[in-house]
Amino acid sequence: MGPLDAIFHLVNFLAPALGMALVLPTLVRVVWFRALKSVSWAQMARRIAAVGVGVLVAGVVVLGRDGAMLTYAAWCWLRPARCGGRPFGGVADRPSGPWAPGASCKMPA
């Protein structure tokens, strides 16, 4: 494998985490604009990218390969913790509703 191939592999490995770090802060701020008023878009993007890259690297180290569904499940489980509420600090009111982080998924009886 040449140096150009290695760069392509690295870019493709990091693309899901960095892509979501660009898209997710924008969508979260549209939905919870009042609750996340004190948090900058760049701060959210940096933290989401850090969590995404960390989970992807941990998945490769623990599971021995990239693209395992367990890695992406862990990534999806950790991502909301970095998008709303206390993890960013300074946010007094948490988002509420069925779409909020930590909301129950139970169907009404």
N, C-alpha and C. Protein backbone atom coordinates (compact mmCIF):
# COMPACT_ATOMS: atom_id res chain seq x y z
N MET A 1 0.85 -1.17 0.00
CA MET A 1 0.00 0.00 0.00
C MET A 1 0.90 1.24 0.00
N GLY A 2 0.59 2.14 -0.91
CA GLY A 2 1.38 3.37 -1.02
C GLY A 2 0.86 4.45 -0.06
N PRO A 3 1.57 5.57 -0.01
CA PRO A 3 1.17 6.64 0.89
C PRO A 3 -0.20 7.23 0.54
N LEU A 4 -0.51 7.32 -0.73
CA LEU A 4 -1.81 7.86 -1.13
C LEU A 4 -2.94 6.93 -0.69
N ASP A 5 -2.73 5.63 -0.80
CA ASP A 5 -3.73 4.67 -0.33
C ASP A 5 -3.92 4.76 1.18
N ALA A 6 -2.84 4.96 1.91
CA ALA A 6 -2.93 5.10 3.37
C ALA A 6 -3.73 6.35 3.74
N ILE A 7 -3.52 7.42 3.02
CA ILE A 7 -4.29 8.65 3.28
C ILE A 7 -5.76 8.41 2.98
N PHE A 8 -6.07 7.74 1.88
CA PHE A 8 -7.47 7.44 1.55
C PHE A 8 -8.12 6.57 2.62
N HIS A 9 -7.39 5.58 3.13
CA HIS A 9 -7.92 4.73 4.19
C HIS A 9 -8.21 5.54 5.45
N LEU A 10 -7.29 6.41 5.82
CA LEU A 10 -7.49 7.24 7.02
C LEU A 10 -8.68 8.18 6.86
N VAL A 11 -8.79 8.81 5.69
CA VAL A 11 -9.91 9.72 5.44
C VAL A 11 -11.23 8.96 5.48
N ASN A 12 -11.28 7.80 4.87
CA ASN A 12 -12.51 7.01 4.88
C ASN A 12 -12.85 6.48 6.27
N PHE A 13 -11.84 6.22 7.08
CA PHE A 13 -12.08 5.76 8.45
C PHE A 13 -12.68 6.88 9.29
N LEU A 14 -12.18 8.10 9.13
CA LEU A 14 -12.64 9.23 9.94
C LEU A 14 -13.86 9.94 9.37
N ALA A 15 -14.23 9.67 8.14
CA ALA A 15 -15.32 10.39 7.48
C ALA A 15 -16.66 10.32 8.23
N PRO A 16 -17.10 9.17 8.74
CA PRO A 16 -18.39 9.16 9.45
C PRO A 16 -18.39 10.06 10.69
N ALA A 17 -17.33 10.02 11.46
CA ALA A 17 -17.27 10.83 12.68
C ALA A 17 -17.19 12.31 12.35
N LEU A 18 -16.37 12.68 11.40
CA LEU A 18 -16.23 14.10 11.06
C LEU A 18 -17.44 14.62 10.31
N GLY A 19 -18.07 13.79 9.51
CA GLY A 19 -19.30 14.19 8.82
C GLY A 19 -20.43 14.46 9.79
N MET A 20 -20.58 13.58 10.76
CA MET A 20 -21.62 13.80 11.77
C MET A 20 -21.29 15.00 12.65
N ALA A 21 -20.01 15.27 12.85
CA ALA A 21 -19.62 16.45 13.63
C ALA A 21 -19.98 17.74 12.91
N LEU A 22 -20.13 17.70 11.61
CA LEU A 22 -20.56 18.88 10.86
C LEU A 22 -22.08 19.00 10.80
N VAL A 23 -22.77 17.89 10.68
CA VAL A 23 -24.23 17.91 10.50
C VAL A 23 -24.98 18.00 11.82
N LEU A 24 -24.59 17.22 12.80
CA LEU A 24 -25.36 17.10 14.03
C LEU A 24 -25.49 18.39 14.83
N PRO A 25 -24.44 19.20 15.01
CA PRO A 25 -24.64 20.44 15.77
C PRO A 25 -25.66 21.38 15.13
N THR A 26 -25.70 21.41 13.82
CA THR A 26 -26.66 22.26 13.12
C THR A 26 -28.08 21.79 13.39
N LEU A 27 -28.32 20.49 13.26
CA LEU A 27 -29.66 19.95 13.49
C LEU A 27 -30.09 20.09 14.94
N VAL A 28 -29.18 19.88 15.86
CA VAL A 28 -29.50 19.98 17.28
C VAL A 28 -29.84 21.42 17.64
N ARG A 29 -29.12 22.36 17.08
CA ARG A 29 -29.39 23.77 17.39
C ARG A 29 -30.72 24.22 16.80
N VAL A 30 -31.16 23.63 15.70
CA VAL A 30 -32.47 23.97 15.14
C VAL A 30 -33.58 23.50 16.07
N VAL A 31 -33.44 22.31 16.63
CA VAL A 31 -34.49 21.75 17.48
C VAL A 31 -34.46 22.37 18.87
N TRP A 32 -33.29 22.48 19.48
CA TRP A 32 -33.17 22.97 20.86
C TRP A 32 -32.41 24.28 20.91
N PHE A 33 -32.84 25.27 20.12
CA PHE A 33 -32.09 26.52 20.02
C PHE A 33 -32.07 27.30 21.33
N ARG A 34 -33.11 27.25 22.13
CA ARG A 34 -33.11 27.99 23.39
C ARG A 34 -32.21 27.33 24.43
N ALA A 35 -32.30 26.03 24.53
CA ALA A 35 -31.52 25.30 25.55
C ALA A 35 -30.03 25.34 25.27
N LEU A 36 -29.65 25.42 24.00
CA LEU A 36 -28.23 25.38 23.64
C LEU A 36 -27.72 26.75 23.18
N LYS A 37 -28.38 27.81 23.62
CA LYS A 37 -27.99 29.15 23.22
C LYS A 37 -26.56 29.50 23.67
N SER A 38 -26.18 29.00 24.83
CA SER A 38 -24.87 29.36 25.38
C SER A 38 -23.73 28.49 24.86
N VAL A 39 -24.04 27.52 24.05
CA VAL A 39 -23.02 26.60 23.53
C VAL A 39 -22.72 26.96 22.08
N SER A 40 -21.46 27.15 21.76
CA SER A 40 -21.10 27.50 20.38
C SER A 40 -21.17 26.27 19.48
N TRP A 41 -21.41 26.53 18.20
CA TRP A 41 -21.49 25.45 17.23
C TRP A 41 -20.14 24.73 17.14
N ALA A 42 -19.05 25.50 17.18
CA ALA A 42 -17.71 24.90 17.07
C ALA A 42 -17.41 23.99 18.25
N GLN A 43 -17.84 24.40 19.45
CA GLN A 43 -17.62 23.56 20.63
C GLN A 43 -18.38 22.24 20.50
N MET A 44 -19.62 22.31 20.04
CA MET A 44 -20.39 21.08 19.84
C MET A 44 -19.73 20.19 18.80
N ALA A 45 -19.29 20.79 17.70
CA ALA A 45 -18.67 20.01 16.62
C ALA A 45 -17.39 19.34 17.10
N ARG A 46 -16.57 20.05 17.86
CA ARG A 46 -15.32 19.46 18.37
C ARG A 46 -15.60 18.28 19.28
N ARG A 47 -16.57 18.44 20.18
CA ARG A 47 -16.85 17.36 21.12
C ARG A 47 -17.49 16.16 20.43
N ILE A 48 -18.37 16.39 19.49
CA ILE A 48 -18.99 15.28 18.76
C ILE A 48 -17.94 14.55 17.92
N ALA A 49 -17.03 15.31 17.30
CA ALA A 49 -15.95 14.68 16.53
C ALA A 49 -15.03 13.87 17.43
N ALA A 50 -14.72 14.40 18.61
CA ALA A 50 -13.84 13.67 19.54
C ALA A 50 -14.48 12.36 19.99
N VAL A 51 -15.77 12.41 20.32
CA VAL A 51 -16.46 11.18 20.73
C VAL A 51 -16.51 10.19 19.56
N GLY A 52 -16.84 10.68 18.38
CA GLY A 52 -16.93 9.80 17.21
C GLY A 52 -15.62 9.13 16.87
N VAL A 53 -14.55 9.90 16.82
CA VAL A 53 -13.24 9.34 16.50
C VAL A 53 -12.80 8.38 17.61
N GLY A 54 -13.04 8.76 18.87
CA GLY A 54 -12.67 7.89 19.99
C GLY A 54 -13.38 6.54 19.94
N VAL A 55 -14.67 6.57 19.63
CA VAL A 55 -15.42 5.30 19.55
C VAL A 55 -14.96 4.47 18.37
N LEU A 56 -14.70 5.11 17.23
CA LEU A 56 -14.24 4.35 16.06
C LEU A 56 -12.87 3.71 16.32
N VAL A 57 -11.96 4.45 16.94
CA VAL A 57 -10.64 3.90 17.25
C VAL A 57 -10.77 2.77 18.28
N ALA A 58 -11.60 2.99 19.30
CA ALA A 58 -11.80 1.93 20.31
C ALA A 58 -12.41 0.69 19.67
N GLY A 59 -13.31 0.87 18.73
CA GLY A 59 -13.89 -0.27 18.03
C GLY A 59 -12.86 -1.08 17.27
N VAL A 60 -11.93 -0.39 16.62
CA VAL A 60 -10.87 -1.10 15.89
C VAL A 60 -9.95 -1.81 16.85
N VAL A 61 -9.62 -1.17 17.97
CA VAL A 61 -8.71 -1.78 18.94
C VAL A 61 -9.36 -3.00 19.60
N VAL A 62 -10.60 -2.86 20.03
CA VAL A 62 -11.28 -3.94 20.77
C VAL A 62 -11.72 -5.06 19.84
N LEU A 63 -12.34 -4.71 18.73
CA LEU A 63 -12.92 -5.72 17.85
C LEU A 63 -11.98 -6.19 16.74
N GLY A 64 -10.92 -5.42 16.49
CA GLY A 64 -9.94 -5.85 15.51
C GLY A 64 -10.24 -5.48 14.07
N ARG A 65 -11.37 -4.79 13.83
CA ARG A 65 -11.67 -4.38 12.45
C ARG A 65 -12.61 -3.18 12.48
N ASP A 66 -12.66 -2.48 11.37
CA ASP A 66 -13.53 -1.32 11.24
C ASP A 66 -14.88 -1.75 10.68
N GLY A 67 -15.90 -1.00 10.98
CA GLY A 67 -17.21 -1.26 10.40
C GLY A 67 -18.07 -2.24 11.17
N ALA A 68 -17.69 -2.62 12.38
CA ALA A 68 -18.50 -3.55 13.16
C ALA A 68 -19.75 -2.82 13.66
N MET A 69 -20.87 -3.49 13.63
CA MET A 69 -22.13 -2.88 14.06
C MET A 69 -22.10 -2.50 15.53
N LEU A 70 -21.37 -3.24 16.33
CA LEU A 70 -21.25 -2.90 17.75
C LEU A 70 -20.58 -1.54 17.94
N THR A 71 -19.62 -1.23 17.11
CA THR A 71 -18.95 0.08 17.17
C THR A 71 -19.94 1.19 16.84
N TYR A 72 -20.72 1.02 15.79
CA TYR A 72 -21.67 2.05 15.40
C TYR A 72 -22.81 2.16 16.41
N ALA A 73 -23.19 1.07 17.02
CA ALA A 73 -24.21 1.12 18.07
C ALA A 73 -23.71 1.90 19.28
N ALA A 74 -22.46 1.68 19.67
CA ALA A 74 -21.87 2.44 20.78
C ALA A 74 -21.76 3.91 20.42
N TRP A 75 -21.44 4.20 19.20
CA TRP A 75 -21.32 5.57 18.73
C TRP A 75 -22.67 6.28 18.80
N CYS A 76 -23.72 5.61 18.34
CA CYS A 76 -25.06 6.20 18.38
C CYS A 76 -25.55 6.35 19.82
N TRP A 77 -25.14 5.48 20.70
CA TRP A 77 -25.56 5.56 22.09
C TRP A 77 -24.85 6.71 22.81
N LEU A 78 -23.60 6.96 22.48
CA LEU A 78 -22.83 8.02 23.14
C LEU A 78 -23.07 9.41 22.55
N ARG A 79 -23.47 9.49 21.31
CA ARG A 79 -23.61 10.78 20.65
C ARG A 79 -24.62 11.71 21.31
N PRO A 80 -25.83 11.27 21.68
CA PRO A 80 -26.77 12.21 22.31
C PRO A 80 -26.27 12.79 23.62
N ALA A 81 -25.43 12.07 24.32
CA ALA A 81 -24.90 12.58 25.57
C ALA A 81 -24.05 13.82 25.34
N ARG A 82 -23.50 13.98 24.13
CA ARG A 82 -22.66 15.13 23.83
C ARG A 82 -23.43 16.24 23.12
N CYS A 83 -24.72 16.07 22.89
CA CYS A 83 -25.47 17.06 22.11
C CYS A 83 -26.35 17.97 22.94
N GLY A 84 -26.88 17.51 24.03
CA GLY A 84 -27.81 18.36 24.77
C GLY A 84 -27.65 18.20 26.25
N GLY A 85 -28.05 19.21 26.97
CA GLY A 85 -28.05 19.13 28.42
C GLY A 85 -26.71 19.42 29.04
N ARG A 86 -26.47 18.85 30.18
CA ARG A 86 -25.32 19.17 31.02
C ARG A 86 -23.94 18.86 30.45
N PRO A 87 -23.76 17.87 29.56
CA PRO A 87 -22.39 17.57 29.12
C PRO A 87 -21.64 18.77 28.55
N PHE A 88 -22.34 19.77 28.01
CA PHE A 88 -21.66 20.94 27.48
C PHE A 88 -21.43 22.00 28.55
N GLY A 89 -22.11 21.89 29.69
CA GLY A 89 -21.95 22.85 30.77
C GLY A 89 -22.66 24.15 30.48
N GLY A 90 -23.26 24.73 31.51
CA GLY A 90 -23.91 26.02 31.37
C GLY A 90 -25.31 25.96 30.80
N VAL A 91 -25.78 24.82 30.42
CA VAL A 91 -27.12 24.71 29.88
C VAL A 91 -28.07 24.41 31.03
N ALA A 92 -28.94 25.35 31.34
CA ALA A 92 -29.79 25.21 32.52
C ALA A 92 -30.97 24.30 32.28
N ASP A 93 -31.66 24.47 31.17
CA ASP A 93 -32.85 23.66 30.93
C ASP A 93 -32.57 22.61 29.88
N ARG A 94 -32.94 21.39 30.20
CA ARG A 94 -32.71 20.28 29.28
C ARG A 94 -33.85 20.20 28.29
N PRO A 95 -33.58 19.74 27.08
CA PRO A 95 -34.64 19.54 26.11
C PRO A 95 -35.62 18.48 26.62
N SER A 96 -36.87 18.65 26.29
CA SER A 96 -37.85 17.68 26.72
C SER A 96 -38.63 17.18 25.52
N GLY A 97 -39.35 16.12 25.72
CA GLY A 97 -40.14 15.52 24.66
C GLY A 97 -39.64 14.13 24.34
N PRO A 98 -40.35 13.43 23.48
CA PRO A 98 -39.97 12.05 23.17
C PRO A 98 -38.66 11.93 22.41
N TRP A 99 -38.19 12.99 21.79
CA TRP A 99 -36.94 12.97 21.02
C TRP A 99 -35.73 13.39 21.84
N ALA A 100 -35.94 13.82 23.08
CA ALA A 100 -34.86 14.33 23.91
C ALA A 100 -33.92 13.20 24.32
N PRO A 101 -32.63 13.52 24.54
CA PRO A 101 -31.70 12.49 25.00
C PRO A 101 -32.15 11.90 26.32
N GLY A 102 -32.14 10.60 26.41
CA GLY A 102 -32.54 9.91 27.63
C GLY A 102 -34.04 9.71 27.76
N ALA A 103 -34.80 10.09 26.74
CA ALA A 103 -36.26 9.91 26.82
C ALA A 103 -36.61 8.44 26.73
N SER A 104 -37.69 8.10 27.36
CA SER A 104 -38.15 6.72 27.36
C SER A 104 -38.69 6.34 25.99
N CYS A 105 -38.46 5.12 25.58
CA CYS A 105 -38.96 4.66 24.28
C CYS A 105 -40.21 3.80 24.45
N LYS A 106 -40.81 3.81 25.64
CA LYS A 106 -41.98 2.97 25.86
C LYS A 106 -43.19 3.54 25.16
N MET A 107 -43.96 2.65 24.59
CA MET A 107 -45.20 3.04 23.92
C MET A 107 -46.30 3.18 24.97
N PRO A 108 -47.19 4.18 24.83
CA PRO A 108 -48.28 4.30 25.79
C PRO A 108 -49.23 3.11 25.69
N ALA A 109 -49.79 2.75 26.83
CA ALA A 109 -50.68 1.59 26.87
C ALA A 109 -52.06 1.90 26.32
